[in-house]
């Protein structure tokens, strides 16, 4: 290699190094500009987070406010039950629904408390509409034969009663024998639509209910059977010698004074 050729090679090497340095410089410049833009955006976000109350009105005006999920407690689907009482009967009885429709109208147009009570009781479950026996009915209506007894439930017969006075009764249902005995004595068995015509405001009526806690199931409620001062009826399979007879008032059976 001659001296001239060596000089040309050195010049080419220097030129290539200078171009590579220029490229590296351009790359570094682009990187620096990108970092600068990123830092500016981060500063803007920090300022907005720190001074968010100051910018709320501006956000609303500019339409940049985003919907944020509201915090709260976890509830069962549907949320809290605001109204636990019934607003309509669960029964599909067409006649009951017609009576409900009638008394809704009477409550709305008359404002009578009697009609409101009747409507509320029409919504109730069968457990809360206990039957009333003929004996109790006669007892409650003693000296009030000129008034109408109103029972939102069933009137049942009672064989322990021998004489039935002439009474006027309105009920959702009468047993066959109870209806026959009331009619035979000269009384009346009315329906609620007939009552609405006779006493739309509930005047000269006696509102009655049967005993709610007279069910067999209620006898098993309360303190455990056998413990002191408990009158709860046990769920015993049989009343023989071997079935739940070790409930004496002694220490070996857990008795405490």
C-alpha atoms as a PDB file:
ATOM      1  CA  UNK A   1       0.000   0.000   0.000  1.00  0.00           C
ATOM      2  CA  UNK A   2       1.351   3.386  -0.980  1.00  0.00           C
ATOM      3  CA  UNK A   3       1.285   6.494   1.204  1.00  0.00           C
ATOM      4  CA  UNK A   4      -1.475   8.014  -0.861  1.00  0.00           C
ATOM      5  CA  UNK A   5      -3.683   4.949  -0.438  1.00  0.00           C
ATOM      6  CA  UNK A   6      -3.099   4.944   3.335  1.00  0.00           C
ATOM      7  CA  UNK A   7      -4.088   8.585   3.573  1.00  0.00           C
ATOM      8  CA  UNK A   8      -7.320   7.967   1.678  1.00  0.00           C
ATOM      9  CA  UNK A   9      -8.208   5.055   4.004  1.00  0.00           C
ATOM     10  CA  UNK A  10      -7.649   7.241   7.064  1.00  0.00           C
ATOM     11  CA  UNK A  11      -9.876   9.941   5.583  1.00  0.00           C
ATOM     12  CA  UNK A  12     -12.663   7.436   4.880  1.00  0.00           C
ATOM     13  CA  UNK A  13     -12.411   6.034   8.439  1.00  0.00           C
ATOM     14  CA  UNK A  14     -12.618   9.527   9.928  1.00  0.00           C
ATOM     15  CA  UNK A  15     -15.642  10.375   7.747  1.00  0.00           C
ATOM     16  CA  UNK A  16     -17.462   7.190   8.793  1.00  0.00           C
ATOM     17  CA  UNK A  17     -16.733   7.927  12.468  1.00  0.00           C
ATOM     18  CA  UNK A  18     -18.048  11.472  12.146  1.00  0.00           C
ATOM     19  CA  UNK A  19     -21.279  10.277  10.445  1.00  0.00           C
ATOM     20  CA  UNK A  20     -21.822   7.637  13.177  1.00  0.00           C
ATOM     21  CA  UNK A  21     -21.299  10.311  15.806  1.00  0.00           C
ATOM     22  CA  UNK A  22     -23.839  12.533  14.076  1.00  0.00           C
ATOM     23  CA  UNK A  23     -26.369   9.683  14.053  1.00  0.00           C
ATOM     24  CA  UNK A  24     -25.745   9.005  17.744  1.00  0.00           C
ATOM     25  CA  UNK A  25     -26.203  12.676  18.459  1.00  0.00           C
ATOM     26  CA  UNK A  26     -29.489  12.789  16.569  1.00  0.00           C
ATOM     27  CA  UNK A  27     -30.723   9.683  18.457  1.00  0.00           C
ATOM     28  CA  UNK A  28     -29.757  11.234  21.778  1.00  0.00           C
ATOM     29  CA  UNK A  29     -31.572  14.425  20.828  1.00  0.00           C
ATOM     30  CA  UNK A  30     -34.769  12.561  19.987  1.00  0.00           C
ATOM     31  CA  UNK A  31     -34.522  10.656  23.276  1.00  0.00           C
ATOM     32  CA  UNK A  32     -34.003  13.860  25.220  1.00  0.00           C
ATOM     33  CA  UNK A  33     -36.988  15.521  23.568  1.00  0.00           C
ATOM     34  CA  UNK A  34     -39.209  12.482  24.330  1.00  0.00           C
ATOM     35  CA  UNK A  35     -38.065  12.480  27.950  1.00  0.00           C
ATOM     36  CA  UNK A  36     -38.809  16.175  28.193  1.00  0.00           C
ATOM     37  CA  UNK A  37     -42.356  15.689  26.879  1.00  0.00           C
ATOM     38  CA  UNK A  38     -42.908  12.776  29.302  1.00  0.00           C
ATOM     39  CA  UNK A  39     -41.659  14.833  32.260  1.00  0.00           C
ATOM     40  CA  UNK A  40     -43.981  17.693  31.308  1.00  0.00           C
ATOM     41  CA  UNK A  41     -46.965  15.341  31.175  1.00  0.00           C
ATOM     42  CA  UNK A  42     -46.074  13.816  34.539  1.00  0.00           C
ATOM     43  CA  UNK A  43     -45.781  17.278  36.080  1.00  0.00           C
ATOM     44  CA  UNK A  44     -49.197  18.173  34.657  1.00  0.00           C
ATOM     45  CA  UNK A  45     -50.759  15.031  36.153  1.00  0.00           C
ATOM     46  CA  UNK A  46     -49.177  15.731  39.557  1.00  0.00           C
ATOM     47  CA  UNK A  47     -50.462  19.313  39.517  1.00  0.00           C
ATOM     48  CA  UNK A  48     -53.958  18.142  38.584  1.00  0.00           C
ATOM     49  CA  UNK A  49     -53.925  15.573  41.392  1.00  0.00           C
ATOM     50  CA  UNK A  50     -52.721  18.117  43.962  1.00  0.00           C
ATOM     51  CA  UNK A  51     -55.004  20.936  42.882  1.00  0.00           C
ATOM     52  CA  UNK A  52     -57.986  18.964  41.651  1.00  0.00           C
ATOM     53  CA  UNK A  53     -60.580  21.141  43.521  1.00  0.00           C
ATOM     54  CA  UNK A  54     -59.305  24.187  41.677  1.00  0.00           C
ATOM     55  CA  UNK A  55     -59.783  22.588  38.292  1.00  0.00           C
ATOM     56  CA  UNK A  56     -63.184  20.946  38.798  1.00  0.00           C
ATOM     57  CA  UNK A  57     -65.114  23.829  37.258  1.00  0.00           C
ATOM     58  CA  UNK A  58     -62.687  23.973  34.340  1.00  0.00           C
ATOM     59  CA  UNK A  59     -63.035  20.229  33.834  1.00  0.00           C
ATOM     60  CA  UNK A  60     -66.796  20.495  33.773  1.00  0.00           C
ATOM     61  CA  UNK A  61     -66.671  23.313  31.267  1.00  0.00           C
ATOM     62  CA  UNK A  62     -64.174  21.582  29.027  1.00  0.00           C
ATOM     63  CA  UNK A  63     -65.899  18.203  29.295  1.00  0.00           C
ATOM     64  CA  UNK A  64     -62.792  16.436  30.599  1.00  0.00           C
ATOM     65  CA  UNK A  65     -64.320  15.231  33.883  1.00  0.00           C
ATOM     66  CA  UNK A  66     -64.519  11.455  33.974  1.00  0.00           C
ATOM     67  CA  UNK A  67     -67.113   9.359  35.727  1.00  0.00           C
ATOM     68  CA  UNK A  68     -65.677   7.718  38.826  1.00  0.00           C
ATOM     69  CA  UNK A  69     -67.155   4.639  40.452  1.00  0.00           C
ATOM     70  CA  UNK A  70     -68.942   5.458  43.709  1.00  0.00           C
ATOM     71  CA  UNK A  71     -67.595   3.686  46.759  1.00  0.00           C
ATOM     72  CA  UNK A  72     -69.994   1.825  49.023  1.00  0.00           C
ATOM     73  CA  UNK A  73     -70.702  -1.319  50.999  1.00  0.00           C
ATOM     74  CA  UNK A  74     -71.367  -4.702  49.464  1.00  0.00           C
ATOM     75  CA  UNK A  75     -75.041  -5.677  49.668  1.00  0.00           C
ATOM     76  CA  UNK A  76     -77.025  -8.570  48.335  1.00  0.00           C
ATOM     77  CA  UNK A  77     -78.316  -7.858  44.862  1.00  0.00           C
ATOM     78  CA  UNK A  78     -81.213  -5.462  45.088  1.00  0.00           C
ATOM     79  CA  UNK A  79     -79.874  -3.503  48.050  1.00  0.00           C
ATOM     80  CA  UNK A  80     -81.644  -2.938  51.306  1.00  0.00           C
ATOM     81  CA  UNK A  81     -85.314  -3.740  51.564  1.00  0.00           C
ATOM     82  CA  UNK A  82     -86.908  -0.364  52.206  1.00  0.00           C
ATOM     83  CA  UNK A  83     -90.469  -1.654  52.484  1.00  0.00           C
ATOM     84  CA  UNK A  84     -90.809  -5.111  53.944  1.00  0.00           C
ATOM     85  CA  UNK A  85     -94.576  -5.112  54.263  1.00  0.00           C
ATOM     86  CA  UNK A  86     -96.779  -6.530  51.546  1.00  0.00           C
ATOM     87  CA  UNK A  87     -98.397  -4.254  49.022  1.00  0.00           C
ATOM     88  CA  UNK A  88    -100.477  -6.969  47.356  1.00  0.00           C
ATOM     89  CA  UNK A  89    -101.616 -10.490  48.238  1.00  0.00           C
ATOM     90  CA  UNK A  90     -99.450 -13.425  47.179  1.00  0.00           C
ATOM     91  CA  UNK A  91    -102.536 -15.474  46.372  1.00  0.00           C
ATOM     92  CA  UNK A  92    -103.750 -15.858  42.803  1.00  0.00           C
ATOM     93  CA  UNK A  93    -107.383 -16.046  43.909  1.00  0.00           C
ATOM     94  CA  UNK A  94    -109.335 -13.913  41.442  1.00  0.00           C
ATOM     95  CA  UNK A  95    -112.076 -13.096  43.943  1.00  0.00           C
ATOM     96  CA  UNK A  96    -109.548 -11.957  46.545  1.00  0.00           C
ATOM     97  CA  UNK A  97    -107.908  -9.695  43.973  1.00  0.00           C
ATOM     98  CA  UNK A  98    -111.281  -8.160  43.134  1.00  0.00           C
ATOM     99  CA  UNK A  99    -111.899  -7.429  46.824  1.00  0.00           C
ATOM    100  CA  UNK A 100    -108.432  -5.862  47.069  1.00  0.00           C
ATOM    101  CA  UNK A 101    -109.192  -3.704  44.073  1.00  0.00           C
ATOM    102  CA  UNK A 102    -112.476  -2.587  45.687  1.00  0.00           C
ATOM    103  CA  UNK A 103    -110.860  -1.675  49.010  1.00  0.00           C
ATOM    104  CA  UNK A 104    -107.971   0.118  47.332  1.00  0.00           C
ATOM    105  CA  UNK A 105    -110.594   2.377  45.793  1.00  0.00           C
ATOM    106  CA  UNK A 106    -112.363   2.851  49.139  1.00  0.00           C
ATOM    107  CA  UNK A 107    -109.106   3.692  50.934  1.00  0.00           C
ATOM    108  CA  UNK A 108    -108.168   6.204  48.254  1.00  0.00           C
ATOM    109  CA  UNK A 109    -111.549   7.910  48.057  1.00  0.00           C
ATOM    110  CA  UNK A 110    -112.788   7.776  51.662  1.00  0.00           C
ATOM    111  CA  UNK A 111    -109.647   7.969  53.785  1.00  0.00           C
ATOM    112  CA  UNK A 112    -111.310   5.652  56.305  1.00  0.00           C
ATOM    113  CA  UNK A 113    -108.956   3.922  58.742  1.00  0.00           C
ATOM    114  CA  UNK A 114    -111.315   0.932  58.856  1.00  0.00           C
ATOM    115  CA  UNK A 115    -110.916   0.379  55.116  1.00  0.00           C
ATOM    116  CA  UNK A 116    -107.137   0.761  55.407  1.00  0.00           C
ATOM    117  CA  UNK A 117    -107.016  -1.959  58.073  1.00  0.00           C
ATOM    118  CA  UNK A 118    -109.175  -4.259  55.950  1.00  0.00           C
ATOM    119  CA  UNK A 119    -106.918  -3.716  52.935  1.00  0.00           C
ATOM    120  CA  UNK A 120    -103.778  -4.399  54.967  1.00  0.00           C
ATOM    121  CA  UNK A 121    -105.220  -7.628  56.352  1.00  0.00           C
ATOM    122  CA  UNK A 122    -106.271  -8.762  52.883  1.00  0.00           C
ATOM    123  CA  UNK A 123    -102.565  -8.723  51.943  1.00  0.00           C
ATOM    124  CA  UNK A 124    -101.528 -10.936  54.857  1.00  0.00           C
ATOM    125  CA  UNK A 125    -100.378 -14.523  54.704  1.00  0.00           C
ATOM    126  CA  UNK A 126    -102.597 -17.348  55.869  1.00  0.00           C
ATOM    127  CA  UNK A 127    -100.610 -17.638  59.106  1.00  0.00           C
ATOM    128  CA  UNK A 128    -101.418 -14.025  59.915  1.00  0.00           C
ATOM    129  CA  UNK A 129    -105.112 -14.539  59.085  1.00  0.00           C
ATOM    130  CA  UNK A 130    -105.972 -17.157  61.726  1.00  0.00           C
ATOM    131  CA  UNK A 131    -109.488 -18.624  61.806  1.00  0.00           C
ATOM    132  CA  UNK A 132    -112.061 -17.538  64.373  1.00  0.00           C
ATOM    133  CA  UNK A 133    -114.308 -20.158  65.939  1.00  0.00           C
ATOM    134  CA  UNK A 134    -118.044 -19.717  66.296  1.00  0.00           C
ATOM    135  CA  UNK A 135    -117.716 -19.850  70.093  1.00  0.00           C
ATOM    136  CA  UNK A 136    -115.288 -16.897  70.185  1.00  0.00           C
ATOM    137  CA  UNK A 137    -117.404 -15.009  67.671  1.00  0.00           C
ATOM    138  CA  UNK A 138    -120.519 -15.376  69.846  1.00  0.00           C
ATOM    139  CA  UNK A 139    -118.529 -14.338  72.919  1.00  0.00           C
ATOM    140  CA  UNK A 140    -117.161 -11.166  71.271  1.00  0.00           C
ATOM    141  CA  UNK A 141    -120.552 -10.205  69.812  1.00  0.00           C
ATOM    142  CA  UNK A 142    -122.484 -10.607  73.049  1.00  0.00           C
ATOM    143  CA  UNK A 143    -124.687  -7.533  73.482  1.00  0.00           C
ATOM    144  CA  UNK A 144    -123.712  -6.240  70.018  1.00  0.00           C
ATOM    145  CA  UNK A 145    -126.176  -8.155  67.865  1.00  0.00           C
ATOM    146  CA  UNK A 146    -127.124  -4.978  65.970  1.00  0.00           C
ATOM    147  CA  UNK A 147    -123.578  -4.578  64.640  1.00  0.00           C
ATOM    148  CA  UNK A 148    -121.730  -6.472  61.899  1.00  0.00           C
ATOM    149  CA  UNK A 149    -118.758  -8.652  62.862  1.00  0.00           C
ATOM    150  CA  UNK A 150    -115.898  -8.366  60.352  1.00  0.00           C
ATOM    151  CA  UNK A 151    -113.232 -11.079  60.147  1.00  0.00           C
ATOM    152  CA  UNK A 152    -110.540 -11.036  57.449  1.00  0.00           C
ATOM    153  CA  UNK A 153    -110.191 -14.783  57.598  1.00  0.00           C
ATOM    154  CA  UNK A 154    -112.229 -17.950  58.096  1.00  0.00           C
ATOM    155  CA  UNK A 155    -115.117 -18.548  60.493  1.00  0.00           C
ATOM    156  CA  UNK A 156    -115.152 -22.150  61.731  1.00  0.00           C
ATOM    157  CA  UNK A 157    -117.774 -24.191  63.563  1.00  0.00           C
ATOM    158  CA  UNK A 158    -117.520 -25.137  67.241  1.00  0.00           C
ATOM    159  CA  UNK A 159    -119.524 -28.132  68.439  1.00  0.00           C
ATOM    160  CA  UNK A 160    -119.242 -27.000  72.054  1.00  0.00           C
ATOM    161  CA  UNK A 161    -121.736 -24.212  71.279  1.00  0.00           C
ATOM    162  CA  UNK A 162    -125.360 -25.358  71.389  1.00  0.00           C
ATOM    163  CA  UNK A 163    -127.217 -22.087  70.861  1.00  0.00           C
ATOM    164  CA  UNK A 164    -126.228 -19.620  68.156  1.00  0.00           C
ATOM    165  CA  UNK A 165    -127.770 -16.120  68.261  1.00  0.00           C
ATOM    166  CA  UNK A 166    -128.813 -14.201  65.155  1.00  0.00           C
ATOM    167  CA  UNK A 167    -125.619 -12.355  64.211  1.00  0.00           C
ATOM    168  CA  UNK A 168    -124.394 -10.660  61.055  1.00  0.00           C
ATOM    169  CA  UNK A 169    -120.891 -11.741  60.044  1.00  0.00           C
ATOM    170  CA  UNK A 170    -118.591 -10.698  57.208  1.00  0.00           C
ATOM    171  CA  UNK A 171    -115.663 -13.007  56.474  1.00  0.00           C
ATOM    172  CA  UNK A 172    -113.478 -14.166  53.620  1.00  0.00           C
ATOM    173  CA  UNK A 173    -114.706 -17.712  54.103  1.00  0.00           C
ATOM    174  CA  UNK A 174    -117.130 -19.761  56.211  1.00  0.00           C
ATOM    175  CA  UNK A 175    -116.930 -23.468  56.808  1.00  0.00           C
ATOM    176  CA  UNK A 176    -120.015 -25.300  55.615  1.00  0.00           C
ATOM    177  CA  UNK A 177    -121.335 -26.136  59.087  1.00  0.00           C
ATOM    178  CA  UNK A 178    -120.603 -22.663  60.483  1.00  0.00           C
ATOM    179  CA  UNK A 179    -122.505 -21.013  57.629  1.00  0.00           C
ATOM    180  CA  UNK A 180    -125.442 -23.395  58.048  1.00  0.00           C
ATOM    181  CA  UNK A 181    -125.703 -22.755  61.804  1.00  0.00           C
ATOM    182  CA  UNK A 182    -125.513 -18.953  61.439  1.00  0.00           C
ATOM    183  CA  UNK A 183    -128.182 -18.913  58.720  1.00  0.00           C
ATOM    184  CA  UNK A 184    -130.415 -21.330  60.644  1.00  0.00           C
ATOM    185  CA  UNK A 185    -130.321 -19.000  63.664  1.00  0.00           C
ATOM    186  CA  UNK A 186    -131.525 -16.093  61.512  1.00  0.00           C
ATOM    187  CA  UNK A 187    -128.140 -14.467  61.054  1.00  0.00           C
ATOM    188  CA  UNK A 188    -126.348 -13.328  57.898  1.00  0.00           C
ATOM    189  CA  UNK A 189    -123.106 -14.405  56.249  1.00  0.00           C
ATOM    190  CA  UNK A 190    -121.851 -11.460  54.197  1.00  0.00           C
ATOM    191  CA  UNK A 191    -119.047 -11.028  51.722  1.00  0.00           C
ATOM    192  CA  UNK A 192    -116.749  -8.000  51.667  1.00  0.00           C
ATOM    193  CA  UNK A 193    -118.358  -6.498  48.573  1.00  0.00           C
ATOM    194  CA  UNK A 194    -121.707  -6.644  50.391  1.00  0.00           C
ATOM    195  CA  UNK A 195    -120.075  -5.018  53.420  1.00  0.00           C
ATOM    196  CA  UNK A 196    -118.721  -2.223  51.215  1.00  0.00           C
ATOM    197  CA  UNK A 197    -122.294  -1.429  50.148  1.00  0.00           C
ATOM    198  CA  UNK A 198    -123.705  -1.569  53.682  1.00  0.00           C
ATOM    199  CA  UNK A 199    -120.864   0.132  55.570  1.00  0.00           C
ATOM    200  CA  UNK A 200    -118.433   1.868  53.199  1.00  0.00           C
ATOM    201  CA  UNK A 201    -116.853   3.719  56.141  1.00  0.00           C
ATOM    202  CA  UNK A 202    -117.030   0.841  58.622  1.00  0.00           C
ATOM    203  CA  UNK A 203    -119.789   2.257  60.806  1.00  0.00           C
ATOM    204  CA  UNK A 204    -121.608  -0.144  63.139  1.00  0.00           C
ATOM    205  CA  UNK A 205    -119.001  -2.852  62.613  1.00  0.00           C
ATOM    206  CA  UNK A 206    -116.829  -4.858  65.011  1.00  0.00           C
ATOM    207  CA  UNK A 207    -113.416  -5.802  63.610  1.00  0.00           C
ATOM    208  CA  UNK A 208    -112.269  -9.179  64.965  1.00  0.00           C
ATOM    209  CA  UNK A 209    -109.307 -11.506  64.576  1.00  0.00           C
ATOM    210  CA  UNK A 210    -108.583 -15.097  65.492  1.00  0.00           C
ATOM    211  CA  UNK A 211    -105.822 -16.199  67.902  1.00  0.00           C
ATOM    212  CA  UNK A 212    -102.555 -15.959  65.975  1.00  0.00           C
ATOM    213  CA  UNK A 213    -100.489 -18.124  68.331  1.00  0.00           C
ATOM    214  CA  UNK A 214    -102.935 -21.004  68.672  1.00  0.00           C
ATOM    215  CA  UNK A 215    -101.147 -23.046  66.003  1.00  0.00           C
ATOM    216  CA  UNK A 216     -99.538 -26.356  66.870  1.00  0.00           C
ATOM    217  CA  UNK A 217     -96.175 -25.080  65.571  1.00  0.00           C
ATOM    218  CA  UNK A 218     -96.082 -22.235  68.117  1.00  0.00           C
ATOM    219  CA  UNK A 219     -96.131 -24.738  71.000  1.00  0.00           C
ATOM    220  CA  UNK A 220     -92.619 -25.832  69.991  1.00  0.00           C
ATOM    221  CA  UNK A 221     -91.175 -22.289  70.033  1.00  0.00           C
ATOM    222  CA  UNK A 222     -89.250 -20.905  73.005  1.00  0.00           C
ATOM    223  CA  UNK A 223     -86.681 -22.276  75.433  1.00  0.00           C
ATOM    224  CA  UNK A 224     -85.428 -25.809  74.968  1.00  0.00           C
ATOM    225  CA  UNK A 225     -87.765 -28.503  76.297  1.00  0.00           C
ATOM    226  CA  UNK A 226     -86.707 -29.772  79.706  1.00  0.00           C
ATOM    227  CA  UNK A 227     -84.698 -26.760  80.892  1.00  0.00           C
ATOM    228  CA  UNK A 228     -85.958 -24.961  84.015  1.00  0.00           C
ATOM    229  CA  UNK A 229     -88.987 -22.715  83.542  1.00  0.00           C
ATOM    230  CA  UNK A 230     -89.592 -24.027  80.021  1.00  0.00           C
ATOM    231  CA  UNK A 231     -93.073 -24.923  78.830  1.00  0.00           C
ATOM    232  CA  UNK A 232     -91.981 -25.701  75.290  1.00  0.00           C
ATOM    233  CA  UNK A 233     -93.409 -28.799  73.681  1.00  0.00           C
ATOM    234  CA  UNK A 234     -90.700 -31.249  72.519  1.00  0.00           C
ATOM    235  CA  UNK A 235     -90.515 -32.727  69.039  1.00  0.00           C
ATOM    236  CA  UNK A 236     -90.782 -36.267  70.390  1.00  0.00           C
ATOM    237  CA  UNK A 237     -91.361 -39.263  68.143  1.00  0.00           C
ATOM    238  CA  UNK A 238     -93.537 -41.105  70.606  1.00  0.00           C
ATOM    239  CA  UNK A 239     -94.760 -40.890  74.188  1.00  0.00           C
ATOM    240  CA  UNK A 240     -93.509 -44.326  75.221  1.00  0.00           C
ATOM    241  CA  UNK A 241     -91.133 -45.314  78.023  1.00  0.00           C
ATOM    242  CA  UNK A 242     -87.982 -44.861  75.949  1.00  0.00           C
ATOM    243  CA  UNK A 243     -88.663 -41.502  74.345  1.00  0.00           C
ATOM    244  CA  UNK A 244     -87.408 -38.324  76.059  1.00  0.00           C
ATOM    245  CA  UNK A 245     -88.386 -39.293  79.565  1.00  0.00           C
ATOM    246  CA  UNK A 246     -85.128 -38.328  81.317  1.00  0.00           C
ATOM    247  CA  UNK A 247     -86.097 -34.702  81.894  1.00  0.00           C
ATOM    248  CA  UNK A 248     -86.361 -34.792  85.687  1.00  0.00           C
ATOM    249  CA  UNK A 249     -85.498 -31.916  87.995  1.00  0.00           C
ATOM    250  CA  UNK A 250     -82.149 -33.340  89.162  1.00  0.00           C
ATOM    251  CA  UNK A 251     -78.477 -32.482  88.722  1.00  0.00           C
ATOM    252  CA  UNK A 252     -77.711 -35.455  86.504  1.00  0.00           C
ATOM    253  CA  UNK A 253     -80.160 -34.050  83.957  1.00  0.00           C
ATOM    254  CA  UNK A 254     -78.719 -30.544  83.852  1.00  0.00           C
ATOM    255  CA  UNK A 255     -81.192 -28.961  86.260  1.00  0.00           C
ATOM    256  CA  UNK A 256     -80.104 -25.665  87.803  1.00  0.00           C
ATOM    257  CA  UNK A 257     -82.120 -23.566  90.223  1.00  0.00           C
END
